Amino acid sequence: MTVYTDGRYAGTNSEINQPVSFTLRPGTNVLAVRCLNLHGEAGILGSLSNALVTDSRWKCTGRGKRYRIKGKYWTKALFDDRDWPQAVEYFPNRGWTYWGNMSAISDKAFWIWSADKGKHEEVYCRRRVSDFSVRHRKRGEIFQATLKEVDHSLLLHSRSQFGVTSVTQCAQKCRADSMCLAFNFQHSSSSPVRQCELKDASRHQDPRNYVGRRGYTYYEDVGGGL
């Protein structure tokens, strides 16, 4: 396993079931991991001191032309990973797993890998550490969430609900609805299909109904307007 921060090499771990520590530079935007599975069950597990853990909010893929993995550009903050699929959570770091529990890693972390686990012996995974957004170039909308919006949702104010496979698809649904101002996206699920809930109000308009909700992330339009 090789770790990168904003395109810079951070370190390598070639030992199975032996956690290692890496230091993130201040202001790091993107954490990227390349992992090769040589035999047996595959999985990536990790946690940061800011409570960020490996889970389905990461994006993971095998090598394929559509995902544009060439050189090390995929490890950089400017790389556009909107077409990458979400990672799949296979086991939590608690209870029974193939690898046992890693006490040095948060019990809120999950062993993750790509969705097509049997087809990908080598995977590439990314996670934004700082604020992250989904941008639509044609009309200038930017749907943004920060780490504070993770595990939160806006209740009521529902426009419609869809099953999608990525946050980009959810943002596209919101963009297509002229009354949509925000959406809740189900980032954590054992299924590749995630819930997308469109809203005709923002959390600033109704803060009382902005609540904690595990497994969902709240996004709102912060640019250009709809």
C-alpha atoms as a PDB file:
ATOM      1  CA  MET A   1       0.000   0.000   0.000  1.00  0.00           C
ATOM      2  CA  THR A   2       1.314   3.438  -0.981  1.00  0.00           C
ATOM      3  CA  VAL A   3      -0.057   6.668   0.498  1.00  0.00           C
ATOM      4  CA  TYR A   4      -0.020  10.133  -1.087  1.00  0.00           C
ATOM      5  CA  THR A   5      -1.071  13.558   0.210  1.00  0.00           C
ATOM      6  CA  ASP A   6      -1.917  16.150  -2.458  1.00  0.00           C
ATOM      7  CA  GLY A   7       0.182  14.232  -4.967  1.00  0.00           C
ATOM      8  CA  ARG A   8       3.212  13.882  -2.667  1.00  0.00           C
ATOM      9  CA  TYR A   9       4.530  10.505  -1.575  1.00  0.00           C
ATOM     10  CA  ALA A  10       3.798  10.011   2.142  1.00  0.00           C
ATOM     11  CA  GLY A  11       4.886   6.425   2.754  1.00  0.00           C
ATOM     12  CA  THR A  12       4.434   2.720   2.077  1.00  0.00           C
ATOM     13  CA  ASN A  13       3.213  -0.234   4.113  1.00  0.00           C
ATOM     14  CA  SER A  14       3.905  -3.714   2.757  1.00  0.00           C
ATOM     15  CA  GLU A  15       3.052  -5.617   5.935  1.00  0.00           C
ATOM     16  CA  ILE A  16      -0.315  -7.384   6.318  1.00  0.00           C
ATOM     17  CA  ASN A  17      -2.231  -6.602   9.533  1.00  0.00           C
ATOM     18  CA  GLN A  18       0.512  -4.243  10.738  1.00  0.00           C
ATOM     19  CA  PRO A  19      -0.775  -0.649  11.051  1.00  0.00           C
ATOM     20  CA  VAL A  20       1.686   2.151  10.329  1.00  0.00           C
ATOM     21  CA  SER A  21       1.477   5.904  10.935  1.00  0.00           C
ATOM     22  CA  PHE A  22       1.781   8.646   8.327  1.00  0.00           C
ATOM     23  CA  THR A  23       1.991  12.375   8.963  1.00  0.00           C
ATOM     24  CA  LEU A  24      -0.278  14.653   6.927  1.00  0.00           C
ATOM     25  CA  ARG A  25       1.073  18.068   6.017  1.00  0.00           C
ATOM     26  CA  PRO A  26      -0.917  21.033   7.395  1.00  0.00           C
ATOM     27  CA  GLY A  27      -3.533  22.110   4.850  1.00  0.00           C
ATOM     28  CA  THR A  28      -3.685  18.717   3.123  1.00  0.00           C
ATOM     29  CA  ASN A  29      -6.653  18.539   0.730  1.00  0.00           C
ATOM     30  CA  VAL A  30      -6.649  14.972  -0.591  1.00  0.00           C
ATOM     31  CA  LEU A  31      -5.470  11.660   0.787  1.00  0.00           C
ATOM     32  CA  ALA A  32      -4.860   8.998  -1.879  1.00  0.00           C
ATOM     33  CA  VAL A  33      -4.013   5.317  -1.482  1.00  0.00           C
ATOM     34  CA  ARG A  34      -2.857   2.700  -3.991  1.00  0.00           C
ATOM     35  CA  CYS A  35      -3.190  -0.858  -2.725  1.00  0.00           C
ATOM     36  CA  LEU A  36      -2.226  -4.194  -4.268  1.00  0.00           C
ATOM     37  CA  ASN A  37      -3.751  -7.428  -2.961  1.00  0.00           C
ATOM     38  CA  LEU A  38      -1.454 -10.401  -3.579  1.00  0.00           C
ATOM     39  CA  HIS A  39      -3.658 -13.095  -2.042  1.00  0.00           C
ATOM     40  CA  GLY A  40      -6.703 -13.706   0.159  1.00  0.00           C
ATOM     41  CA  GLU A  41      -9.287 -11.120   1.198  1.00  0.00           C
ATOM     42  CA  ALA A  42      -8.598  -7.496   0.254  1.00  0.00           C
ATOM     43  CA  GLY A  43      -9.271  -4.397   2.343  1.00  0.00           C
ATOM     44  CA  ILE A  44      -7.986  -0.966   3.373  1.00  0.00           C
ATOM     45  CA  LEU A  45      -8.443   0.323   6.921  1.00  0.00           C
ATOM     46  CA  GLY A  46      -7.395   3.619   8.446  1.00  0.00           C
ATOM     47  CA  SER A  47      -8.254   6.617  10.610  1.00  0.00           C
ATOM     48  CA  LEU A  48      -6.968  10.156  11.102  1.00  0.00           C
ATOM     49  CA  SER A  49      -6.625  12.250  14.232  1.00  0.00           C
ATOM     50  CA  ASN A  50      -9.420  14.564  12.959  1.00  0.00           C
ATOM     51  CA  ALA A  51     -11.916  11.635  13.144  1.00  0.00           C
ATOM     52  CA  LEU A  52     -11.878  10.940   9.407  1.00  0.00           C
ATOM     53  CA  VAL A  53     -11.959   7.174   8.797  1.00  0.00           C
ATOM     54  CA  THR A  54     -12.080   4.759   5.894  1.00  0.00           C
ATOM     55  CA  ASP A  55     -15.726   4.305   4.926  1.00  0.00           C
ATOM     56  CA  SER A  56     -18.028   4.624   1.915  1.00  0.00           C
ATOM     57  CA  ARG A  57     -17.342   8.364   1.671  1.00  0.00           C
ATOM     58  CA  TRP A  58     -14.064   7.401   0.024  1.00  0.00           C
ATOM     59  CA  LYS A  59     -13.927   6.679  -3.696  1.00  0.00           C
ATOM     60  CA  CYS A  60     -12.240   3.504  -4.911  1.00  0.00           C
ATOM     61  CA  THR A  61     -11.731   2.015  -8.351  1.00  0.00           C
ATOM     62  CA  GLY A  62      -9.639  -0.486 -10.238  1.00  0.00           C
ATOM     63  CA  ARG A  63      -7.572   0.578 -13.215  1.00  0.00           C
ATOM     64  CA  GLY A  64      -9.795   1.439 -16.175  1.00  0.00           C
ATOM     65  CA  LYS A  65      -9.698   3.930 -19.052  1.00  0.00           C
ATOM     66  CA  ARG A  66     -12.828   5.760 -17.922  1.00  0.00           C
ATOM     67  CA  TYR A  67     -11.284   6.566 -14.539  1.00  0.00           C
ATOM     68  CA  ARG A  68      -8.194   8.220 -16.091  1.00  0.00           C
ATOM     69  CA  ILE A  69      -5.545   6.705 -13.846  1.00  0.00           C
ATOM     70  CA  LYS A  70      -2.268   7.757 -15.407  1.00  0.00           C
ATOM     71  CA  GLY A  71       0.950   8.538 -13.599  1.00  0.00           C
ATOM     72  CA  LYS A  72       0.311  10.183 -10.228  1.00  0.00           C
ATOM     73  CA  TYR A  73      -2.151  12.885 -11.288  1.00  0.00           C
ATOM     74  CA  TRP A  74      -4.997  10.900  -9.709  1.00  0.00           C
ATOM     75  CA  THR A  75      -3.378  11.556  -6.293  1.00  0.00           C
ATOM     76  CA  LYS A  76      -3.590  15.361  -6.620  1.00  0.00           C
ATOM     77  CA  ALA A  77      -6.252  17.730  -5.281  1.00  0.00           C
ATOM     78  CA  LEU A  78      -7.118  19.098  -8.749  1.00  0.00           C
ATOM     79  CA  PHE A  79      -7.937  15.655 -10.142  1.00  0.00           C
ATOM     80  CA  ASP A  80     -11.651  15.363 -11.002  1.00  0.00           C
ATOM     81  CA  ASP A  81     -12.934  12.140  -9.391  1.00  0.00           C
ATOM     82  CA  ARG A  82     -16.663  12.751  -9.963  1.00  0.00           C
ATOM     83  CA  ASP A  83     -16.953   9.629 -12.141  1.00  0.00           C
ATOM     84  CA  TRP A  84     -15.240   7.388  -9.594  1.00  0.00           C
ATOM     85  CA  PRO A  85     -17.553   5.004  -7.695  1.00  0.00           C
ATOM     86  CA  GLN A  86     -17.945   5.197  -3.936  1.00  0.00           C
ATOM     87  CA  ALA A  87     -15.958   2.712  -1.884  1.00  0.00           C
ATOM     88  CA  VAL A  88     -17.819  -0.247  -0.390  1.00  0.00           C
ATOM     89  CA  GLU A  89     -17.718  -0.959   3.357  1.00  0.00           C
ATOM     90  CA  TYR A  90     -17.049  -4.684   3.795  1.00  0.00           C
ATOM     91  CA  PHE A  91     -16.405  -4.995   7.552  1.00  0.00           C
ATOM     92  CA  PRO A  92     -16.293  -2.575  10.505  1.00  0.00           C
ATOM     93  CA  ASN A  93     -13.182  -2.495  12.679  1.00  0.00           C
ATOM     94  CA  ARG A  94     -15.051  -4.248  15.467  1.00  0.00           C
ATOM     95  CA  GLY A  95     -16.527  -7.678  15.932  1.00  0.00           C
ATOM     96  CA  TRP A  96     -15.398 -10.456  13.599  1.00  0.00           C
ATOM     97  CA  THR A  97     -13.366  -9.753  10.456  1.00  0.00           C
ATOM     98  CA  TYR A  98     -10.945 -11.749   8.310  1.00  0.00           C
ATOM     99  CA  TRP A  99      -8.079  -9.645   9.627  1.00  0.00           C
ATOM    100  CA  GLY A 100      -9.054  -9.231  13.291  1.00  0.00           C
ATOM    101  CA  ASN A 101      -9.488  -5.895  15.049  1.00  0.00           C
ATOM    102  CA  MET A 102      -6.836  -3.205  14.673  1.00  0.00           C
ATOM    103  CA  SER A 103      -6.707  -1.539  18.106  1.00  0.00           C
ATOM    104  CA  ALA A 104      -4.487   1.274  16.817  1.00  0.00           C
ATOM    105  CA  ILE A 105      -7.221   2.324  14.361  1.00  0.00           C
ATOM    106  CA  SER A 106     -10.617   3.839  15.234  1.00  0.00           C
ATOM    107  CA  ASP A 107     -13.457   1.356  15.744  1.00  0.00           C
ATOM    108  CA  LYS A 108     -15.566   3.666  13.555  1.00  0.00           C
ATOM    109  CA  ALA A 109     -13.421   2.786  10.529  1.00  0.00           C
ATOM    110  CA  PHE A 110     -14.455   0.195   7.934  1.00  0.00           C
ATOM    111  CA  TRP A 111     -12.429  -2.141   5.757  1.00  0.00           C
ATOM    112  CA  ILE A 112     -13.069  -0.760   2.269  1.00  0.00           C
ATOM    113  CA  TRP A 113     -12.347  -1.804  -1.310  1.00  0.00           C
ATOM    114  CA  SER A 114     -13.833  -1.273  -4.743  1.00  0.00           C
ATOM    115  CA  ALA A 115     -17.368  -2.451  -5.534  1.00  0.00           C
ATOM    116  CA  ASP A 116     -16.133  -5.155  -7.953  1.00  0.00           C
ATOM    117  CA  LYS A 117     -13.987  -6.780  -5.297  1.00  0.00           C
ATOM    118  CA  GLY A 118     -13.385 -10.021  -7.168  1.00  0.00           C
ATOM    119  CA  LYS A 119     -12.184  -8.201 -10.287  1.00  0.00           C
ATOM    120  CA  HIS A 120      -9.780  -5.700  -8.735  1.00  0.00           C
ATOM    121  CA  GLU A 121      -6.547  -6.942  -7.190  1.00  0.00           C
ATOM    122  CA  GLU A 122      -5.155  -3.416  -7.430  1.00  0.00           C
ATOM    123  CA  VAL A 123      -7.263  -0.439  -6.332  1.00  0.00           C
ATOM    124  CA  TYR A 124      -6.903   3.319  -6.172  1.00  0.00           C
ATOM    125  CA  CYS A 125      -8.765   5.201  -3.432  1.00  0.00           C
ATOM    126  CA  ARG A 126      -9.193   8.919  -2.686  1.00  0.00           C
ATOM    127  CA  ARG A 127     -10.709  11.008   0.085  1.00  0.00           C
ATOM    128  CA  ARG A 128     -10.905  14.763   0.431  1.00  0.00           C
ATOM    129  CA  VAL A 129      -9.667  15.823   3.848  1.00  0.00           C
ATOM    130  CA  SER A 130     -10.694  19.477   3.567  1.00  0.00           C
ATOM    131  CA  ASP A 131     -14.004  20.947   2.351  1.00  0.00           C
ATOM    132  CA  PHE A 132     -15.306  19.229  -0.745  1.00  0.00           C
ATOM    133  CA  SER A 133     -17.774  20.171  -3.459  1.00  0.00           C
ATOM    134  CA  VAL A 134     -19.542  18.976  -6.592  1.00  0.00           C
ATOM    135  CA  ARG A 135     -19.390  21.531  -9.409  1.00  0.00           C
ATOM    136  CA  HIS A 136     -21.541  21.827 -12.540  1.00  0.00           C
ATOM    137  CA  ARG A 137     -19.792  23.885 -15.180  1.00  0.00           C
ATOM    138  CA  LYS A 138     -22.661  24.793 -17.501  1.00  0.00           C
ATOM    139  CA  ARG A 139     -24.725  26.743 -15.004  1.00  0.00           C
ATOM    140  CA  GLY A 140     -22.108  27.468 -12.365  1.00  0.00           C
ATOM    141  CA  GLU A 141     -23.742  25.662  -9.441  1.00  0.00           C
ATOM    142  CA  ILE A 142     -21.526  24.345  -6.678  1.00  0.00           C
ATOM    143  CA  PHE A 143     -23.091  21.927  -4.213  1.00  0.00           C
ATOM    144  CA  GLN A 144     -20.817  21.891  -1.200  1.00  0.00           C
ATOM    145  CA  ALA A 145     -20.448  19.927   2.007  1.00  0.00           C
ATOM    146  CA  THR A 146     -17.806  20.160   4.710  1.00  0.00           C
ATOM    147  CA  LEU A 147     -16.793  17.628   7.345  1.00  0.00           C
ATOM    148  CA  LYS A 148     -19.333  19.330   9.632  1.00  0.00           C
ATOM    149  CA  GLU A 149     -22.164  18.276   7.282  1.00  0.00           C
ATOM    150  CA  VAL A 150     -21.169  14.603   7.359  1.00  0.00           C
ATOM    151  CA  ASP A 151     -23.681  12.502   9.318  1.00  0.00           C
ATOM    152  CA  HIS A 152     -26.245  15.320   9.140  1.00  0.00           C
ATOM    153  CA  SER A 153     -29.457  15.863   7.158  1.00  0.00           C
ATOM    154  CA  LEU A 154     -32.193  18.411   6.632  1.00  0.00           C
ATOM    155  CA  LEU A 155     -35.584  16.935   7.526  1.00  0.00           C
ATOM    156  CA  LEU A 156     -38.908  17.876   5.891  1.00  0.00           C
ATOM    157  CA  HIS A 157     -38.919  20.223   2.832  1.00  0.00           C
ATOM    158  CA  SER A 158     -38.850  17.190   0.522  1.00  0.00           C
ATOM    159  CA  ARG A 159     -39.064  17.589  -3.248  1.00  0.00           C
ATOM    160  CA  SER A 160     -38.391  14.013  -4.325  1.00  0.00           C
ATOM    161  CA  GLN A 161     -36.238  10.975  -3.592  1.00  0.00           C
ATOM    162  CA  PHE A 162     -34.102   8.836  -5.906  1.00  0.00           C
ATOM    163  CA  GLY A 163     -31.789   5.858  -5.869  1.00  0.00           C
ATOM    164  CA  VAL A 164     -28.347   6.843  -7.230  1.00  0.00           C
ATOM    165  CA  THR A 165     -24.840   5.396  -7.287  1.00  0.00           C
ATOM    166  CA  SER A 166     -22.806   8.550  -6.582  1.00  0.00           C
ATOM    167  CA  VAL A 167     -23.067  12.025  -5.076  1.00  0.00           C
ATOM    168  CA  THR A 168     -22.551  13.455  -8.578  1.00  0.00           C
ATOM    169  CA  GLN A 169     -25.763  11.789  -9.769  1.00  0.00           C
ATOM    170  CA  CYS A 170     -27.610  13.220  -6.767  1.00  0.00           C
ATOM    171  CA  ALA A 171     -26.297  16.707  -7.568  1.00  0.00           C
ATOM    172  CA  GLN A 172     -27.472  16.263 -11.164  1.00  0.00           C
ATOM    173  CA  LYS A 173     -30.975  15.416  -9.927  1.00  0.00           C
ATOM    174  CA  CYS A 174     -30.996  18.585  -7.828  1.00  0.00           C
ATOM    175  CA  ARG A 175     -29.708  20.652 -10.739  1.00  0.00           C
ATOM    176  CA  ALA A 176     -32.533  19.379 -12.961  1.00  0.00           C
ATOM    177  CA  ASP A 177     -35.155  20.539 -10.431  1.00  0.00           C
ATOM    178  CA  SER A 178     -35.509  24.335 -10.443  1.00  0.00           C
ATOM    179  CA  MET A 179     -36.885  24.294  -6.863  1.00  0.00           C
ATOM    180  CA  CYS A 180     -34.072  22.216  -5.362  1.00  0.00           C
ATOM    181  CA  LEU A 181     -31.772  24.152  -3.037  1.00  0.00           C
ATOM    182  CA  ALA A 182     -30.082  21.289  -1.187  1.00  0.00           C
ATOM    183  CA  PHE A 183     -29.963  17.504  -0.884  1.00  0.00           C
ATOM    184  CA  ASN A 184     -29.152  14.697   1.537  1.00  0.00           C
ATOM    185  CA  PHE A 185     -26.920  11.956   0.137  1.00  0.00           C
ATOM    186  CA  GLN A 186     -26.612   8.516   1.728  1.00  0.00           C
ATOM    187  CA  HIS A 187     -22.845   8.097   1.839  1.00  0.00           C
ATOM    188  CA  SER A 188     -22.833   4.894   3.909  1.00  0.00           C
ATOM    189  CA  SER A 189     -24.648   1.795   2.669  1.00  0.00           C
ATOM    190  CA  SER A 190     -23.949  -1.882   2.049  1.00  0.00           C
ATOM    191  CA  SER A 191     -25.691  -1.461  -1.309  1.00  0.00           C
ATOM    192  CA  PRO A 192     -24.153   0.371  -4.314  1.00  0.00           C
ATOM    193  CA  VAL A 193     -27.481   2.220  -4.680  1.00  0.00           C
ATOM    194  CA  ARG A 194     -27.655   5.235  -2.336  1.00  0.00           C
ATOM    195  CA  GLN A 195     -30.616   7.404  -1.343  1.00  0.00           C
ATOM    196  CA  CYS A 196     -30.749  10.935  -2.752  1.00  0.00           C
ATOM    197  CA  GLU A 197     -33.239  13.303  -1.073  1.00  0.00           C
ATOM    198  CA  LEU A 198     -33.886  16.658  -2.777  1.00  0.00           C
ATOM    199  CA  LYS A 199     -34.903  19.665  -0.629  1.00  0.00           C
ATOM    200  CA  ASP A 200     -36.584  22.971  -1.485  1.00  0.00           C
ATOM    201  CA  ALA A 201     -35.011  24.741   1.512  1.00  0.00           C
ATOM    202  CA  SER A 202     -31.557  25.018   3.070  1.00  0.00           C
ATOM    203  CA  ARG A 203     -30.401  24.376   6.626  1.00  0.00           C
ATOM    204  CA  HIS A 204     -29.988  28.121   7.098  1.00  0.00           C
ATOM    205  CA  GLN A 205     -33.682  28.639   6.334  1.00  0.00           C
ATOM    206  CA  ASP A 206     -34.769  25.946   8.790  1.00  0.00           C
ATOM    207  CA  PRO A 207     -31.971  25.240  11.300  1.00  0.00           C
ATOM    208  CA  ARG A 208     -34.324  23.400  13.693  1.00  0.00           C
ATOM    209  CA  ASN A 209     -34.775  20.584  11.191  1.00  0.00           C
ATOM    210  CA  TYR A 210     -31.066  20.278  10.474  1.00  0.00           C
ATOM    211  CA  VAL A 211     -30.191  17.244  12.589  1.00  0.00           C
ATOM    212  CA  GLY A 212     -27.600  14.534  13.088  1.00  0.00           C
ATOM    213  CA  ARG A 213     -28.236  11.484  10.909  1.00  0.00           C
ATOM    214  CA  ARG A 214     -25.633   8.758  10.635  1.00  0.00           C
ATOM    215  CA  GLY A 215     -24.786   7.625   7.122  1.00  0.00           C
ATOM    216  CA  TYR A 216     -25.990  10.773   5.328  1.00  0.00           C
ATOM    217  CA  THR A 217     -24.263  13.979   4.220  1.00  0.00           C
ATOM    218  CA  TYR A 218     -26.000  17.294   3.632  1.00  0.00           C
ATOM    219  CA  TYR A 219     -25.107  19.344   0.518  1.00  0.00           C
ATOM    220  CA  GLU A 220     -26.382  22.777  -0.475  1.00  0.00           C
ATOM    221  CA  ASP A 221     -25.980  25.152  -3.388  1.00  0.00           C
ATOM    222  CA  VAL A 222     -23.285  27.717  -2.594  1.00  0.00           C
ATOM    223  CA  GLY A 223     -22.549  29.134  -6.014  1.00  0.00           C
ATOM    224  CA  GLY A 224     -24.378  30.746  -8.895  1.00  0.00           C
ATOM    225  CA  GLY A 225     -27.849  29.912  -7.655  1.00  0.00           C
ATOM    226  CA  LEU A 226     -30.361  27.640  -9.316  1.00  0.00           C
END
